[in-house]
PDB file of all heavy atoms in Angstrom:
ATOM      1  N   LEU A   1      -1.182  12.027   7.209  1.00  0.00           N
ATOM      2  CA  LEU A   1       0.106  11.327   7.261  1.00  0.00           C
ATOM      3  C   LEU A   1       0.919  11.762   8.477  1.00  0.00           C
ATOM      4  O   LEU A   1       1.574  10.940   9.132  1.00  0.00           O
ATOM      5  CB  LEU A   1       0.910  11.598   5.992  1.00  0.00           C
ATOM      6  CG  LEU A   1       0.461  10.882   4.716  1.00  0.00           C
ATOM      7  CD1 LEU A   1       1.236  11.399   3.512  1.00  0.00           C
ATOM      8  CD2 LEU A   1       0.644   9.370   4.837  1.00  0.00           C
ATOM      9  N   GLU A   2       0.888  13.051   8.776  1.00  0.00           N
ATOM     10  CA  GLU A   2       1.662  13.567   9.911  1.00  0.00           C
ATOM     11  C   GLU A   2       1.177  12.971  11.237  1.00  0.00           C
ATOM     12  O   GLU A   2       1.975  12.738  12.150  1.00  0.00           O
ATOM     13  CB  GLU A   2       1.559  15.094   9.951  1.00  0.00           C
ATOM     14  CG  GLU A   2       2.348  15.772   8.839  1.00  0.00           C
ATOM     15  CD  GLU A   2       2.072  17.270   8.754  1.00  0.00           C
ATOM     16  OE1 GLU A   2       1.018  17.713   9.261  1.00  0.00           O
ATOM     17  OE2 GLU A   2       2.899  17.982   8.167  1.00  0.00           O
ATOM     18  N   LYS A   3      -0.106  12.718  11.356  1.00  0.00           N
ATOM     19  CA  LYS A   3      -0.670  12.170  12.590  1.00  0.00           C
ATOM     20  C   LYS A   3      -0.577  10.642  12.652  1.00  0.00           C
ATOM     21  O   LYS A   3      -0.758  10.052  13.718  1.00  0.00           O
ATOM     22  CB  LYS A   3      -2.138  12.584  12.714  1.00  0.00           C
ATOM     23  CG  LYS A   3      -2.349  14.082  12.897  1.00  0.00           C
ATOM     24  CD  LYS A   3      -3.834  14.414  12.912  1.00  0.00           C
ATOM     25  CE  LYS A   3      -4.076  15.911  13.051  1.00  0.00           C
ATOM     26  NZ  LYS A   3      -5.526  16.238  12.996  1.00  0.00           N
ATOM     27  N   ALA A   4      -0.300  10.021  11.519  1.00  0.00           N
ATOM     28  CA  ALA A   4      -0.377   8.557  11.429  1.00  0.00           C
ATOM     29  C   ALA A   4       0.811   7.871  12.091  1.00  0.00           C
ATOM     30  O   ALA A   4       1.952   8.309  11.962  1.00  0.00           O
ATOM     31  CB  ALA A   4      -0.470   8.140   9.966  1.00  0.00           C
ATOM     32  N   SER A   5       0.540   6.772  12.773  1.00  0.00           N
ATOM     33  CA  SER A   5       1.599   5.902  13.294  1.00  0.00           C
ATOM     34  C   SER A   5       2.170   5.096  12.133  1.00  0.00           C
ATOM     35  O   SER A   5       1.576   5.047  11.049  1.00  0.00           O
ATOM     36  CB  SER A   5       1.013   4.955  14.335  1.00  0.00           C
ATOM     37  OG  SER A   5       0.074   4.075  13.712  1.00  0.00           O
ATOM     38  N   PRO A   6       3.326   4.441  12.315  1.00  0.00           N
ATOM     39  CA  PRO A   6       3.873   3.607  11.229  1.00  0.00           C
ATOM     40  C   PRO A   6       2.889   2.566  10.712  1.00  0.00           C
ATOM     41  O   PRO A   6       2.802   2.335   9.506  1.00  0.00           O
ATOM     42  CB  PRO A   6       5.094   2.945  11.883  1.00  0.00           C
ATOM     43  CG  PRO A   6       5.542   3.935  12.913  1.00  0.00           C
ATOM     44  CD  PRO A   6       4.267   4.541  13.446  1.00  0.00           C
ATOM     45  N   SER A   7       2.115   1.949  11.602  1.00  0.00           N
ATOM     46  CA  SER A   7       1.160   0.928  11.152  1.00  0.00           C
ATOM     47  C   SER A   7       0.032   1.552  10.327  1.00  0.00           C
ATOM     48  O   SER A   7      -0.434   0.966   9.346  1.00  0.00           O
ATOM     49  CB  SER A   7       0.588   0.161  12.348  1.00  0.00           C
ATOM     50  OG  SER A   7      -0.117   1.043  13.205  1.00  0.00           O
ATOM     51  N   VAL A   8      -0.392   2.757  10.705  1.00  0.00           N
ATOM     52  CA  VAL A   8      -1.446   3.439   9.943  1.00  0.00           C
ATOM     53  C   VAL A   8      -0.907   3.878   8.584  1.00  0.00           C
ATOM     54  O   VAL A   8      -1.611   3.799   7.567  1.00  0.00           O
ATOM     55  CB  VAL A   8      -2.014   4.634  10.732  1.00  0.00           C
ATOM     56  CG1 VAL A   8      -2.960   5.468   9.866  1.00  0.00           C
ATOM     57  CG2 VAL A   8      -2.738   4.140  11.978  1.00  0.00           C
ATOM     58  N   ARG A   9       0.339   4.336   8.551  1.00  0.00           N
ATOM     59  CA  ARG A   9       0.938   4.712   7.248  1.00  0.00           C
ATOM     60  C   ARG A   9       0.980   3.510   6.317  1.00  0.00           C
ATOM     61  O   ARG A   9       0.771   3.633   5.110  1.00  0.00           O
ATOM     62  CB  ARG A   9       2.336   5.296   7.439  1.00  0.00           C
ATOM     63  CG  ARG A   9       2.372   6.721   7.944  1.00  0.00           C
ATOM     64  CD  ARG A   9       3.691   7.410   7.596  1.00  0.00           C
ATOM     65  NE  ARG A   9       4.846   6.643   8.025  1.00  0.00           N
ATOM     66  CZ  ARG A   9       5.481   6.821   9.170  1.00  0.00           C
ATOM     67  NH1 ARG A   9       5.055   7.750  10.015  1.00  0.00           N
ATOM     68  NH2 ARG A   9       6.533   6.094   9.484  1.00  0.00           N
ATOM     69  N   ARG A  10       1.267   2.332   6.878  1.00  0.00           N
ATOM     70  CA  ARG A  10       1.277   1.120   6.035  1.00  0.00           C
ATOM     71  C   ARG A  10      -0.121   0.847   5.481  1.00  0.00           C
ATOM     72  O   ARG A  10      -0.265   0.397   4.340  1.00  0.00           O
ATOM     73  CB  ARG A  10       1.798  -0.070   6.837  1.00  0.00           C
ATOM     74  CG  ARG A  10       3.301  -0.020   7.085  1.00  0.00           C
ATOM     75  CD  ARG A  10       3.845  -1.354   7.572  1.00  0.00           C
ATOM     76  NE  ARG A  10       3.383  -1.686   8.909  1.00  0.00           N
ATOM     77  CZ  ARG A  10       3.999  -1.310  10.028  1.00  0.00           C
ATOM     78  NH1 ARG A  10       5.098  -0.572   9.971  1.00  0.00           N
ATOM     79  NH2 ARG A  10       3.523  -1.667  11.214  1.00  0.00           N
ATOM     80  N   MET A  11      -1.144   1.103   6.289  1.00  0.00           N
ATOM     81  CA  MET A  11      -2.521   0.920   5.820  1.00  0.00           C
ATOM     82  C   MET A  11      -2.857   1.926   4.703  1.00  0.00           C
ATOM     83  O   MET A  11      -3.533   1.595   3.733  1.00  0.00           O
ATOM     84  CB  MET A  11      -3.499   1.086   6.992  1.00  0.00           C
ATOM     85  CG  MET A  11      -3.444  -0.050   7.990  1.00  0.00           C
ATOM     86  SD  MET A  11      -4.445   0.284   9.471  1.00  0.00           S
ATOM     87  CE  MET A  11      -6.067   0.430   8.752  1.00  0.00           C
ATOM     88  N   ILE A  12      -2.356   3.156   4.838  1.00  0.00           N
ATOM     89  CA  ILE A  12      -2.581   4.172   3.808  1.00  0.00           C
ATOM     90  C   ILE A  12      -1.884   3.761   2.513  1.00  0.00           C
ATOM     91  O   ILE A  12      -2.438   3.909   1.420  1.00  0.00           O
ATOM     92  CB  ILE A  12      -2.074   5.544   4.296  1.00  0.00           C
ATOM     93  CG1 ILE A  12      -2.927   6.035   5.475  1.00  0.00           C
ATOM     94  CG2 ILE A  12      -2.091   6.565   3.155  1.00  0.00           C
ATOM     95  CD1 ILE A  12      -2.369   7.262   6.172  1.00  0.00           C
ATOM     96  N   ALA A  13      -0.664   3.230   2.645  1.00  0.00           N
ATOM     97  CA  ALA A  13       0.059   2.762   1.456  1.00  0.00           C
ATOM     98  C   ALA A  13      -0.699   1.626   0.777  1.00  0.00           C
ATOM     99  O   ALA A  13      -0.785   1.567  -0.452  1.00  0.00           O
ATOM    100  CB  ALA A  13       1.464   2.306   1.842  1.00  0.00           C
ATOM    101  N   GLU A  14      -1.277   0.747   1.580  1.00  0.00           N
ATOM    102  CA  GLU A  14      -2.044  -0.370   1.020  1.00  0.00           C
ATOM    103  C   GLU A  14      -3.289   0.140   0.302  1.00  0.00           C
ATOM    104  O   GLU A  14      -3.720  -0.446  -0.701  1.00  0.00           O
ATOM    105  CB  GLU A  14      -2.430  -1.343   2.135  1.00  0.00           C
ATOM    106  CG  GLU A  14      -3.170  -2.586   1.657  1.00  0.00           C
ATOM    107  CD  GLU A  14      -2.404  -3.374   0.604  1.00  0.00           C
ATOM    108  OE1 GLU A  14      -1.165  -3.490   0.726  1.00  0.00           O
ATOM    109  OE2 GLU A  14      -3.037  -3.853  -0.360  1.00  0.00           O
ATOM    110  N   ARG A  15      -3.842   1.225   0.784  1.00  0.00           N
ATOM    111  CA  ARG A  15      -5.000   1.853   0.136  1.00  0.00           C
ATOM    112  C   ARG A  15      -4.667   2.220  -1.307  1.00  0.00           C
ATOM    113  O   ARG A  15      -5.462   2.017  -2.227  1.00  0.00           O
ATOM    114  CB  ARG A  15      -5.370   3.106   0.937  1.00  0.00           C
ATOM    115  CG  ARG A  15      -6.621   3.819   0.514  1.00  0.00           C
ATOM    116  CD  ARG A  15      -6.994   4.842   1.577  1.00  0.00           C
ATOM    117  NE  ARG A  15      -6.189   6.061   1.536  1.00  0.00           N
ATOM    118  CZ  ARG A  15      -6.098   6.935   2.544  1.00  0.00           C
ATOM    119  NH1 ARG A  15      -6.728   6.689   3.684  1.00  0.00           N
ATOM    120  NH2 ARG A  15      -5.373   8.031   2.425  1.00  0.00           N
ATOM    121  N   GLY A  16      -3.470   2.747  -1.528  1.00  0.00           N
ATOM    122  CA  GLY A  16      -3.053   3.080  -2.883  1.00  0.00           C
ATOM    123  C   GLY A  16      -2.608   1.863  -3.665  1.00  0.00           C
ATOM    124  O   GLY A  16      -2.920   1.720  -4.851  1.00  0.00           O
ATOM    125  N   ARG A  17      -1.892   0.962  -2.974  1.00  0.00           N
ATOM    126  CA  ARG A  17      -1.394  -0.246  -3.648  1.00  0.00           C
ATOM    127  C   ARG A  17      -2.528  -1.043  -4.274  1.00  0.00           C
ATOM    128  O   ARG A  17      -2.392  -1.602  -5.356  1.00  0.00           O
ATOM    129  CB  ARG A  17      -0.628  -1.114  -2.650  1.00  0.00           C
ATOM    130  CG  ARG A  17       0.034  -2.347  -3.283  1.00  0.00           C
ATOM    131  CD  ARG A  17       0.574  -3.297  -2.245  1.00  0.00           C
ATOM    132  NE  ARG A  17       1.851  -2.879  -1.692  1.00  0.00           N
ATOM    133  CZ  ARG A  17       2.046  -2.477  -0.448  1.00  0.00           C
ATOM    134  NH1 ARG A  17       1.012  -2.398   0.395  1.00  0.00           N
ATOM    135  NH2 ARG A  17       3.250  -2.128  -0.031  1.00  0.00           N
ATOM    136  N   ALA A  18      -3.676  -1.078  -3.579  1.00  0.00           N
ATOM    137  CA  ALA A  18      -4.814  -1.858  -4.064  1.00  0.00           C
ATOM    138  C   ALA A  18      -5.371  -1.333  -5.382  1.00  0.00           C
ATOM    139  O   ALA A  18      -6.054  -2.063  -6.108  1.00  0.00           O
ATOM    140  CB  ALA A  18      -5.919  -1.850  -3.004  1.00  0.00           C
ATOM    141  N   LEU A  19      -5.075  -0.075  -5.720  1.00  0.00           N
ATOM    142  CA  LEU A  19      -5.568   0.508  -6.970  1.00  0.00           C
ATOM    143  C   LEU A  19      -4.693   0.144  -8.162  1.00  0.00           C
ATOM    144  O   LEU A  19      -5.114   0.255  -9.314  1.00  0.00           O
ATOM    145  CB  LEU A  19      -5.634   2.042  -6.841  1.00  0.00           C
ATOM    146  CG  LEU A  19      -6.532   2.594  -5.729  1.00  0.00           C
ATOM    147  CD1 LEU A  19      -6.411   4.108  -5.675  1.00  0.00           C
ATOM    148  CD2 LEU A  19      -7.980   2.178  -5.953  1.00  0.00           C
ATOM    149  N   PHE A  20      -3.443  -0.268  -7.897  1.00  0.00           N
ATOM    150  CA  PHE A  20      -2.505  -0.579  -8.979  1.00  0.00           C
ATOM    151  C   PHE A  20      -2.883  -1.904  -9.638  1.00  0.00           C
ATOM    152  O   PHE A  20      -3.248  -2.860  -8.946  1.00  0.00           O
ATOM    153  CB  PHE A  20      -1.078  -0.704  -8.435  1.00  0.00           C
ATOM    154  CG  PHE A  20      -0.367   0.599  -8.225  1.00  0.00           C
ATOM    155  CD1 PHE A  20      -0.810   1.516  -7.282  1.00  0.00           C
ATOM    156  CD2 PHE A  20       0.758   0.910  -8.958  1.00  0.00           C
ATOM    157  CE1 PHE A  20      -0.158   2.711  -7.067  1.00  0.00           C
ATOM    158  CE2 PHE A  20       1.435   2.108  -8.759  1.00  0.00           C
ATOM    159  CZ  PHE A  20       0.977   3.014  -7.817  1.00  0.00           C
ATOM    160  N   PRO A  21      -2.787  -1.991 -10.972  1.00  0.00           N
ATOM    161  CA  PRO A  21      -2.978  -3.297 -11.618  1.00  0.00           C
ATOM    162  C   PRO A  21      -1.924  -4.288 -11.119  1.00  0.00           C
ATOM    163  O   PRO A  21      -0.779  -3.909 -10.864  1.00  0.00           O
ATOM    164  CB  PRO A  21      -2.759  -2.989 -13.107  1.00  0.00           C
ATOM    165  CG  PRO A  21      -2.907  -1.511 -13.241  1.00  0.00           C
ATOM    166  CD  PRO A  21      -2.475  -0.924 -11.935  1.00  0.00           C
ATOM    167  N   SER A  22      -2.316  -5.525 -10.961  1.00  0.00           N
ATOM    168  CA  SER A  22      -1.373  -6.562 -10.524  1.00  0.00           C
ATOM    169  C   SER A  22      -0.648  -7.159 -11.718  1.00  0.00           C
ATOM    170  O   SER A  22      -1.244  -7.379 -12.778  1.00  0.00           O
ATOM    171  CB  SER A  22      -2.112  -7.676  -9.781  1.00  0.00           C
ATOM    172  OG  SER A  22      -2.616  -7.207  -8.559  1.00  0.00           O
ATOM    173  N   ILE A  23       0.625  -7.417 -11.532  1.00  0.00           N
ATOM    174  CA  ILE A  23       1.409  -8.138 -12.521  1.00  0.00           C
ATOM    175  C   ILE A  23       1.870  -9.435 -11.870  1.00  0.00           C
ATOM    176  O   ILE A  23       2.492  -9.403 -10.795  1.00  0.00           O
ATOM    177  CB  ILE A  23       2.619  -7.313 -12.987  1.00  0.00           C
ATOM    178  CG1 ILE A  23       2.143  -6.048 -13.721  1.00  0.00           C
ATOM    179  CG2 ILE A  23       3.529  -8.129 -13.893  1.00  0.00           C
ATOM    180  CD1 ILE A  23       3.251  -5.112 -14.105  1.00  0.00           C
ATOM    181  N   LEU A  24       1.541 -10.558 -12.471  1.00  0.00           N
ATOM    182  CA  LEU A  24       1.952 -11.862 -11.935  1.00  0.00           C
ATOM    183  C   LEU A  24       3.142 -12.347 -12.741  1.00  0.00           C
ATOM    184  O   LEU A  24       3.015 -12.773 -13.889  1.00  0.00           O
ATOM    185  CB  LEU A  24       0.781 -12.849 -12.005  1.00  0.00           C
ATOM    186  CG  LEU A  24      -0.447 -12.432 -11.185  1.00  0.00           C
ATOM    187  CD1 LEU A  24      -1.590 -13.406 -11.381  1.00  0.00           C
ATOM    188  CD2 LEU A  24      -0.098 -12.309  -9.699  1.00  0.00           C
ATOM    189  N   ASP A  25       4.308 -12.240 -12.134  1.00  0.00           N
ATOM    190  CA  ASP A  25       5.577 -12.507 -12.813  1.00  0.00           C
ATOM    191  C   ASP A  25       6.007 -13.951 -12.555  1.00  0.00           C
ATOM    192  O   ASP A  25       6.199 -14.340 -11.404  1.00  0.00           O
ATOM    193  CB  ASP A  25       6.628 -11.529 -12.297  1.00  0.00           C
ATOM    194  CG  ASP A  25       7.894 -11.534 -13.126  1.00  0.00           C
ATOM    195  OD1 ASP A  25       7.820 -11.948 -14.290  1.00  0.00           O
ATOM    196  OD2 ASP A  25       8.952 -11.126 -12.608  1.00  0.00           O
ATOM    197  N   VAL A  26       6.129 -14.746 -13.613  1.00  0.00           N
ATOM    198  CA  VAL A  26       6.528 -16.151 -13.488  1.00  0.00           C
ATOM    199  C   VAL A  26       8.031 -16.268 -13.728  1.00  0.00           C
ATOM    200  O   VAL A  26       8.542 -15.802 -14.751  1.00  0.00           O
ATOM    201  CB  VAL A  26       5.774 -17.042 -14.502  1.00  0.00           C
ATOM    202  CG1 VAL A  26       6.160 -18.511 -14.302  1.00  0.00           C
ATOM    203  CG2 VAL A  26       4.273 -16.853 -14.353  1.00  0.00           C
ATOM    204  N   LYS A  27       8.727 -16.888 -12.772  1.00  0.00           N
ATOM    205  CA  LYS A  27      10.184 -17.052 -12.889  1.00  0.00           C
ATOM    206  C   LYS A  27      10.594 -18.401 -12.307  1.00  0.00           C
ATOM    207  O   LYS A  27       9.896 -18.957 -11.453  1.00  0.00           O
ATOM    208  CB  LYS A  27      10.916 -15.933 -12.145  1.00  0.00           C
ATOM    209  CG  LYS A  27      10.837 -14.580 -12.838  1.00  0.00           C
ATOM    210  CD  LYS A  27      11.690 -13.555 -12.107  1.00  0.00           C
ATOM    211  CE  LYS A  27      11.660 -12.213 -12.830  1.00  0.00           C
ATOM    212  NZ  LYS A  27      12.461 -11.200 -12.113  1.00  0.00           N
TER     213      LYS A  27
END
């Protein structure tokens, strides 16, 4: 994380986000 650029940090965040169950909220 310390070496990562902002764009790489976003990719790391997406790495974790992809593991979360999706909730499809209808409104």
